[in-house]
PDB file of N, CA and C in Angstrom:
ATOM      1  N   UNK A   1      -2.903 -66.837 -52.971  1.00  0.00           N
ATOM      2  CA  UNK A   1      -1.797 -66.121 -53.562  1.00  0.00           C
ATOM      3  C   UNK A   1      -0.997 -67.083 -54.451  1.00  0.00           C
ATOM      4  N   UNK A   2      -0.417 -66.569 -55.482  1.00  0.00           N
ATOM      5  CA  UNK A   2       0.339 -67.362 -56.450  1.00  0.00           C
ATOM      6  C   UNK A   2       1.631 -67.872 -55.804  1.00  0.00           C
ATOM      7  N   UNK A   3       1.988 -69.167 -55.987  1.00  0.00           N
ATOM      8  CA  UNK A   3       3.174 -69.730 -55.345  1.00  0.00           C
ATOM      9  C   UNK A   3       4.457 -68.922 -55.562  1.00  0.00           C
ATOM     10  N   UNK A   4       4.647 -68.397 -56.749  1.00  0.00           N
ATOM     11  CA  UNK A   4       5.885 -67.664 -57.007  1.00  0.00           C
ATOM     12  C   UNK A   4       5.937 -66.361 -56.209  1.00  0.00           C
ATOM     13  N   UNK A   5       4.780 -65.762 -55.962  1.00  0.00           N
ATOM     14  CA  UNK A   5       4.720 -64.540 -55.161  1.00  0.00           C
ATOM     15  C   UNK A   5       5.056 -64.855 -53.707  1.00  0.00           C
ATOM     16  N   UNK A   6       4.667 -66.016 -53.244  1.00  0.00           N
ATOM     17  CA  UNK A   6       4.951 -66.428 -51.865  1.00  0.00           C
ATOM     18  C   UNK A   6       6.384 -66.917 -51.711  1.00  0.00           C
ATOM     19  N   UNK A   7       7.133 -67.000 -52.807  1.00  0.00           N
ATOM     20  CA  UNK A   7       8.511 -67.472 -52.729  1.00  0.00           C
ATOM     21  C   UNK A   7       8.644 -68.980 -52.730  1.00  0.00           C
ATOM     22  N   UNK A   8       7.602 -69.681 -53.125  1.00  0.00           N
ATOM     23  CA  UNK A   8       7.616 -71.140 -53.121  1.00  0.00           C
ATOM     24  C   UNK A   8       8.150 -71.733 -54.420  1.00  0.00           C
ATOM     25  N   UNK A   9       8.305 -70.893 -55.424  1.00  0.00           N
ATOM     26  CA  UNK A   9       8.850 -71.346 -56.702  1.00  0.00           C
ATOM     27  C   UNK A   9       9.923 -70.383 -57.138  1.00  0.00           C
ATOM     28  N   UNK A  10      10.785 -70.827 -58.007  1.00  0.00           N
ATOM     29  CA  UNK A  10      11.877 -69.987 -58.475  1.00  0.00           C
ATOM     30  C   UNK A  10      11.734 -69.712 -59.965  1.00  0.00           C
ATOM     31  N   UNK A  11      12.303 -68.583 -60.368  1.00  0.00           N
ATOM     32  CA  UNK A  11      12.338 -68.228 -61.782  1.00  0.00           C
ATOM     33  C   UNK A  11      13.666 -68.638 -62.373  1.00  0.00           C
ATOM     34  N   UNK A  12      13.629 -69.066 -63.615  1.00  0.00           N
ATOM     35  CA  UNK A  12      14.891 -69.301 -64.315  1.00  0.00           C
ATOM     36  C   UNK A  12      15.416 -67.956 -64.801  1.00  0.00           C
ATOM     37  N   UNK A  13      16.686 -67.907 -65.110  1.00  0.00           N
ATOM     38  CA  UNK A  13      17.283 -66.681 -65.636  1.00  0.00           C
ATOM     39  C   UNK A  13      16.598 -66.305 -66.950  1.00  0.00           C
ATOM     40  N   UNK A  14      16.294 -67.282 -67.766  1.00  0.00           N
ATOM     41  CA  UNK A  14      15.644 -67.016 -69.060  1.00  0.00           C
ATOM     42  C   UNK A  14      14.265 -66.383 -68.856  1.00  0.00           C
ATOM     43  N   UNK A  15      13.485 -66.910 -67.914  1.00  0.00           N
ATOM     44  CA  UNK A  15      12.158 -66.358 -67.657  1.00  0.00           C
ATOM     45  C   UNK A  15      12.257 -64.947 -67.086  1.00  0.00           C
ATOM     46  N   UNK A  16      13.195 -64.734 -66.169  1.00  0.00           N
ATOM     47  CA  UNK A  16      13.387 -63.400 -65.593  1.00  0.00           C
ATOM     48  C   UNK A  16      13.808 -62.408 -66.669  1.00  0.00           C
ATOM     49  N   UNK A  17      14.664 -62.816 -67.579  1.00  0.00           N
ATOM     50  CA  UNK A  17      15.105 -61.941 -68.673  1.00  0.00           C
ATOM     51  C   UNK A  17      13.943 -61.588 -69.592  1.00  0.00           C
ATOM     52  N   UNK A  18      13.103 -62.563 -69.890  1.00  0.00           N
ATOM     53  CA  UNK A  18      11.937 -62.304 -70.735  1.00  0.00           C
ATOM     54  C   UNK A  18      10.964 -61.354 -70.048  1.00  0.00           C
ATOM     55  N   UNK A  19      10.747 -61.555 -68.756  1.00  0.00           N
ATOM     56  CA  UNK A  19       9.855 -60.663 -68.006  1.00  0.00           C
ATOM     57  C   UNK A  19      10.412 -59.246 -67.974  1.00  0.00           C
ATOM     58  N   UNK A  20      11.713 -59.112 -67.786  1.00  0.00           N
ATOM     59  CA  UNK A  20      12.344 -57.793 -67.770  1.00  0.00           C
ATOM     60  C   UNK A  20      12.216 -57.113 -69.128  1.00  0.00           C
ATOM     61  N   UNK A  21      12.437 -57.865 -70.195  1.00  0.00           N
ATOM     62  CA  UNK A  21      12.313 -57.292 -71.542  1.00  0.00           C
ATOM     63  C   UNK A  21      10.882 -56.839 -71.817  1.00  0.00           C
ATOM     64  N   UNK A  22       9.910 -57.628 -71.397  1.00  0.00           N
ATOM     65  CA  UNK A  22       8.506 -57.265 -71.586  1.00  0.00           C
ATOM     66  C   UNK A  22       8.161 -56.026 -70.776  1.00  0.00           C
ATOM     67  N   UNK A  23       8.648 -55.958 -69.534  1.00  0.00           N
ATOM     68  CA  UNK A  23       8.405 -54.776 -68.707  1.00  0.00           C
ATOM     69  C   UNK A  23       8.989 -53.533 -69.377  1.00  0.00           C
ATOM     70  N   UNK A  24      10.227 -53.624 -69.850  1.00  0.00           N
ATOM     71  CA  UNK A  24      10.869 -52.482 -70.513  1.00  0.00           C
ATOM     72  C   UNK A  24      10.087 -52.043 -71.751  1.00  0.00           C
ATOM     73  N   UNK A  25       9.524 -53.002 -72.459  1.00  0.00           N
ATOM     74  CA  UNK A  25       8.758 -52.689 -73.667  1.00  0.00           C
ATOM     75  C   UNK A  25       7.426 -52.005 -73.348  1.00  0.00           C
ATOM     76  N   UNK A  26       6.774 -52.441 -72.272  1.00  0.00           N
ATOM     77  CA  UNK A  26       5.404 -51.999 -72.020  1.00  0.00           C
ATOM     78  C   UNK A  26       5.225 -51.009 -70.868  1.00  0.00           C
ATOM     79  N   UNK A  27       6.249 -50.796 -70.055  1.00  0.00           N
ATOM     80  CA  UNK A  27       6.043 -50.047 -68.810  1.00  0.00           C
ATOM     81  C   UNK A  27       5.555 -48.617 -69.005  1.00  0.00           C
ATOM     82  N   UNK A  28       5.861 -47.985 -70.089  1.00  0.00           N
ATOM     83  CA  UNK A  28       5.426 -46.614 -70.306  1.00  0.00           C
ATOM     84  C   UNK A  28       4.302 -46.523 -71.341  1.00  0.00           C
ATOM     85  N   UNK A  29       3.711 -47.661 -71.663  1.00  0.00           N
ATOM     86  CA  UNK A  29       2.615 -47.705 -72.623  1.00  0.00           C
ATOM     87  C   UNK A  29       1.301 -47.435 -71.898  1.00  0.00           C
ATOM     88  N   UNK A  30       0.589 -46.444 -72.354  1.00  0.00           N
ATOM     89  CA  UNK A  30      -0.709 -46.137 -71.766  1.00  0.00           C
ATOM     90  C   UNK A  30      -1.767 -47.092 -72.313  1.00  0.00           C
ATOM     91  N   UNK A  31      -2.759 -47.434 -71.502  1.00  0.00           N
ATOM     92  CA  UNK A  31      -3.806 -48.325 -71.986  1.00  0.00           C
ATOM     93  C   UNK A  31      -4.700 -47.606 -72.986  1.00  0.00           C
ATOM     94  N   UNK A  32      -5.339 -48.358 -73.864  1.00  0.00           N
ATOM     95  CA  UNK A  32      -6.287 -47.720 -74.779  1.00  0.00           C
ATOM     96  C   UNK A  32      -7.465 -47.164 -73.990  1.00  0.00           C
ATOM     97  N   UNK A  33      -7.891 -45.964 -74.337  1.00  0.00           N
ATOM     98  CA  UNK A  33      -9.031 -45.340 -73.659  1.00  0.00           C
ATOM     99  C   UNK A  33      -9.939 -44.639 -74.662  1.00  0.00           C
ATOM    100  N   UNK A  34     -10.078 -45.245 -75.819  1.00  0.00           N
ATOM    101  CA  UNK A  34     -10.901 -44.676 -76.876  1.00  0.00           C
ATOM    102  C   UNK A  34     -12.391 -44.865 -76.598  1.00  0.00           C
ATOM    103  N   UNK A  35     -12.731 -46.058 -76.136  1.00  0.00           N
ATOM    104  CA  UNK A  35     -14.139 -46.363 -75.894  1.00  0.00           C
ATOM    105  C   UNK A  35     -14.455 -46.282 -74.398  1.00  0.00           C
ATOM    106  N   UNK A  36     -15.721 -46.211 -74.086  1.00  0.00           N
ATOM    107  CA  UNK A  36     -16.121 -46.153 -72.679  1.00  0.00           C
ATOM    108  C   UNK A  36     -15.659 -47.390 -71.902  1.00  0.00           C
ATOM    109  N   UNK A  37     -15.837 -48.610 -72.427  1.00  0.00           N
ATOM    110  CA  UNK A  37     -15.353 -49.787 -71.690  1.00  0.00           C
ATOM    111  C   UNK A  37     -13.837 -49.753 -71.443  1.00  0.00           C
ATOM    112  N   UNK A  38     -13.082 -49.240 -72.401  1.00  0.00           N
ATOM    113  CA  UNK A  38     -11.633 -49.130 -72.213  1.00  0.00           C
ATOM    114  C   UNK A  38     -11.306 -48.138 -71.101  1.00  0.00           C
ATOM    115  N   UNK A  39     -12.007 -47.018 -71.077  1.00  0.00           N
ATOM    116  CA  UNK A  39     -11.777 -46.016 -70.028  1.00  0.00           C
ATOM    117  C   UNK A  39     -12.136 -46.573 -68.658  1.00  0.00           C
ATOM    118  N   UNK A  40     -13.243 -47.296 -68.593  1.00  0.00           N
ATOM    119  CA  UNK A  40     -13.664 -47.901 -67.327  1.00  0.00           C
ATOM    120  C   UNK A  40     -12.606 -48.902 -66.854  1.00  0.00           C
ATOM    121  N   UNK A  41     -12.130 -49.742 -67.752  1.00  0.00           N
ATOM    122  CA  UNK A  41     -11.117 -50.735 -67.390  1.00  0.00           C
ATOM    123  C   UNK A  41      -9.829 -50.075 -66.911  1.00  0.00           C
ATOM    124  N   UNK A  42      -9.404 -49.037 -67.613  1.00  0.00           N
ATOM    125  CA  UNK A  42      -8.176 -48.334 -67.233  1.00  0.00           C
ATOM    126  C   UNK A  42      -8.326 -47.684 -65.861  1.00  0.00           C
ATOM    127  N   UNK A  43      -9.470 -47.077 -65.625  1.00  0.00           N
ATOM    128  CA  UNK A  43      -9.724 -46.435 -64.337  1.00  0.00           C
ATOM    129  C   UNK A  43      -9.740 -47.467 -63.215  1.00  0.00           C
ATOM    130  N   UNK A  44     -10.394 -48.583 -63.443  1.00  0.00           N
ATOM    131  CA  UNK A  44     -10.442 -49.642 -62.428  1.00  0.00           C
ATOM    132  C   UNK A  44      -9.042 -50.199 -62.146  1.00  0.00           C
ATOM    133  N   UNK A  45      -8.258 -50.378 -63.194  1.00  0.00           N
ATOM    134  CA  UNK A  45      -6.899 -50.900 -63.014  1.00  0.00           C
ATOM    135  C   UNK A  45      -6.045 -49.922 -62.210  1.00  0.00           C
ATOM    136  N   UNK A  46      -6.159 -48.632 -62.514  1.00  0.00           N
ATOM    137  CA  UNK A  46      -5.402 -47.624 -61.753  1.00  0.00           C
ATOM    138  C   UNK A  46      -5.843 -47.597 -60.289  1.00  0.00           C
ATOM    139  N   UNK A  47      -7.141 -47.667 -60.071  1.00  0.00           N
ATOM    140  CA  UNK A  47      -7.661 -47.665 -58.701  1.00  0.00           C
ATOM    141  C   UNK A  47      -7.168 -48.890 -57.936  1.00  0.00           C
ATOM    142  N   UNK A  48      -7.217 -50.045 -58.578  1.00  0.00           N
ATOM    143  CA  UNK A  48      -6.760 -51.277 -57.936  1.00  0.00           C
ATOM    144  C   UNK A  48      -5.274 -51.172 -57.590  1.00  0.00           C
ATOM    145  N   UNK A  49      -4.477 -50.665 -58.519  1.00  0.00           N
ATOM    146  CA  UNK A  49      -3.043 -50.510 -58.275  1.00  0.00           C
ATOM    147  C   UNK A  49      -2.792 -49.596 -57.083  1.00  0.00           C
ATOM    148  N   UNK A  50      -3.525 -48.505 -57.007  1.00  0.00           N
ATOM    149  CA  UNK A  50      -3.385 -47.575 -55.883  1.00  0.00           C
ATOM    150  C   UNK A  50      -3.773 -48.252 -54.580  1.00  0.00           C
ATOM    151  N   UNK A  51      -4.873 -48.983 -54.588  1.00  0.00           N
ATOM    152  CA  UNK A  51      -5.329 -49.683 -53.386  1.00  0.00           C
ATOM    153  C   UNK A  51      -4.318 -50.729 -52.915  1.00  0.00           C
ATOM    154  N   UNK A  52      -3.605 -51.330 -53.865  1.00  0.00           N
ATOM    155  CA  UNK A  52      -2.613 -52.349 -53.530  1.00  0.00           C
ATOM    156  C   UNK A  52      -1.265 -51.741 -53.132  1.00  0.00           C
ATOM    157  N   UNK A  53      -1.146 -50.423 -53.289  1.00  0.00           N
ATOM    158  CA  UNK A  53       0.102 -49.756 -52.949  1.00  0.00           C
ATOM    159  C   UNK A  53       1.167 -49.879 -54.022  1.00  0.00           C
ATOM    160  N   UNK A  54       0.751 -50.235 -55.226  1.00  0.00           N
ATOM    161  CA  UNK A  54       1.701 -50.360 -56.326  1.00  0.00           C
ATOM    162  C   UNK A  54       2.109 -48.974 -56.793  1.00  0.00           C
ATOM    163  N   UNK A  55       3.352 -48.850 -57.201  1.00  0.00           N
ATOM    164  CA  UNK A  55       3.858 -47.562 -57.659  1.00  0.00           C
ATOM    165  C   UNK A  55       4.027 -47.579 -59.175  1.00  0.00           C
ATOM    166  N   UNK A  56       3.978 -46.411 -59.814  1.00  0.00           N
ATOM    167  CA  UNK A  56       4.200 -46.351 -61.251  1.00  0.00           C
ATOM    168  C   UNK A  56       5.650 -46.689 -61.589  1.00  0.00           C
ATOM    169  N   UNK A  57       5.920 -47.114 -62.824  1.00  0.00           N
ATOM    170  CA  UNK A  57       7.262 -47.550 -63.210  1.00  0.00           C
ATOM    171  C   UNK A  57       8.374 -46.539 -62.906  1.00  0.00           C
ATOM    172  N   UNK A  58       8.138 -45.273 -63.142  1.00  0.00           N
ATOM    173  CA  UNK A  58       9.203 -44.299 -62.912  1.00  0.00           C
ATOM    174  C   UNK A  58       9.550 -44.158 -61.436  1.00  0.00           C
ATOM    175  N   UNK A  59       8.654 -44.504 -60.546  1.00  0.00           N
ATOM    176  CA  UNK A  59       8.947 -44.446 -59.118  1.00  0.00           C
ATOM    177  C   UNK A  59      10.018 -45.463 -58.738  1.00  0.00           C
ATOM    178  N   UNK A  60      10.169 -46.489 -59.542  1.00  0.00           N
ATOM    179  CA  UNK A  60      11.155 -47.525 -59.260  1.00  0.00           C
ATOM    180  C   UNK A  60      12.569 -47.107 -59.644  1.00  0.00           C
ATOM    181  N   UNK A  61      12.714 -46.037 -60.399  1.00  0.00           N
ATOM    182  CA  UNK A  61      14.025 -45.588 -60.855  1.00  0.00           C
ATOM    183  C   UNK A  61      14.919 -45.126 -59.709  1.00  0.00           C
ATOM    184  N   UNK A  62      14.345 -44.610 -58.635  1.00  0.00           N
ATOM    185  CA  UNK A  62      15.126 -44.023 -57.554  1.00  0.00           C
ATOM    186  C   UNK A  62      15.166 -44.888 -56.299  1.00  0.00           C
ATOM    187  N   UNK A  63      15.065 -46.192 -56.440  1.00  0.00           N
ATOM    188  CA  UNK A  63      15.033 -47.045 -55.259  1.00  0.00           C
ATOM    189  C   UNK A  63      16.364 -47.078 -54.513  1.00  0.00           C
ATOM    190  N   UNK A  64      17.443 -46.601 -55.135  1.00  0.00           N
ATOM    191  CA  UNK A  64      18.717 -46.514 -54.432  1.00  0.00           C
ATOM    192  C   UNK A  64      18.733 -45.333 -53.474  1.00  0.00           C
ATOM    193  N   UNK A  65      17.836 -44.406 -53.651  1.00  0.00           N
ATOM    194  CA  UNK A  65      17.731 -43.228 -52.797  1.00  0.00           C
ATOM    195  C   UNK A  65      16.865 -43.587 -51.591  1.00  0.00           C
ATOM    196  N   UNK A  66      17.452 -43.564 -50.395  1.00  0.00           N
ATOM    197  CA  UNK A  66      16.716 -43.993 -49.201  1.00  0.00           C
ATOM    198  C   UNK A  66      15.477 -43.140 -48.932  1.00  0.00           C
ATOM    199  N   UNK A  67      15.527 -41.860 -49.289  1.00  0.00           N
ATOM    200  CA  UNK A  67      14.360 -40.993 -49.094  1.00  0.00           C
ATOM    201  C   UNK A  67      13.204 -41.492 -49.952  1.00  0.00           C
ATOM    202  N   UNK A  68      13.517 -41.913 -51.169  1.00  0.00           N
ATOM    203  CA  UNK A  68      12.471 -42.418 -52.060  1.00  0.00           C
ATOM    204  C   UNK A  68      11.882 -43.701 -51.489  1.00  0.00           C
ATOM    205  N   UNK A  69      12.729 -44.601 -51.017  1.00  0.00           N
ATOM    206  CA  UNK A  69      12.251 -45.857 -50.450  1.00  0.00           C
ATOM    207  C   UNK A  69      11.337 -45.591 -49.265  1.00  0.00           C
ATOM    208  N   UNK A  70      11.739 -44.660 -48.397  1.00  0.00           N
ATOM    209  CA  UNK A  70      10.906 -44.330 -47.233  1.00  0.00           C
ATOM    210  C   UNK A  70       9.575 -43.723 -47.665  1.00  0.00           C
ATOM    211  N   UNK A  71       9.641 -42.845 -48.667  1.00  0.00           N
ATOM    212  CA  UNK A  71       8.418 -42.194 -49.144  1.00  0.00           C
ATOM    213  C   UNK A  71       7.453 -43.206 -49.757  1.00  0.00           C
ATOM    214  N   UNK A  72       7.989 -44.160 -50.524  1.00  0.00           N
ATOM    215  CA  UNK A  72       7.149 -45.163 -51.183  1.00  0.00           C
ATOM    216  C   UNK A  72       6.787 -46.307 -50.256  1.00  0.00           C
ATOM    217  N   UNK A  73       7.538 -46.454 -49.167  1.00  0.00           N
ATOM    218  CA  UNK A  73       7.316 -47.538 -48.217  1.00  0.00           C
ATOM    219  C   UNK A  73       7.385 -48.894 -48.930  1.00  0.00           C
ATOM    220  N   UNK A  74       8.441 -49.091 -49.751  1.00  0.00           N
ATOM    221  CA  UNK A  74       8.582 -50.336 -50.488  1.00  0.00           C
ATOM    222  C   UNK A  74       9.717 -51.204 -49.944  1.00  0.00           C
ATOM    223  N   UNK A  75      10.335 -50.798 -48.871  1.00  0.00           N
ATOM    224  CA  UNK A  75      11.462 -51.563 -48.321  1.00  0.00           C
ATOM    225  C   UNK A  75      10.990 -52.845 -47.671  1.00  0.00           C
TER     226      UNK A  75
END
């Protein structure tokens, strides 16, 4: 596992701000699916995300709502 994911490293405010800006820019962007390899990659990425329990970006909007947190099991 990556050290930063394990909490062994810290992010600077500048890096966190850049990551947030990139997320805001790309979070609702759909992957290209024009060609067969692109469709396969997109499908595999979605499957992997589901297997890992990752939620789509809009699911994160309601994390202040305890019902949503319980439903997503992200607490």
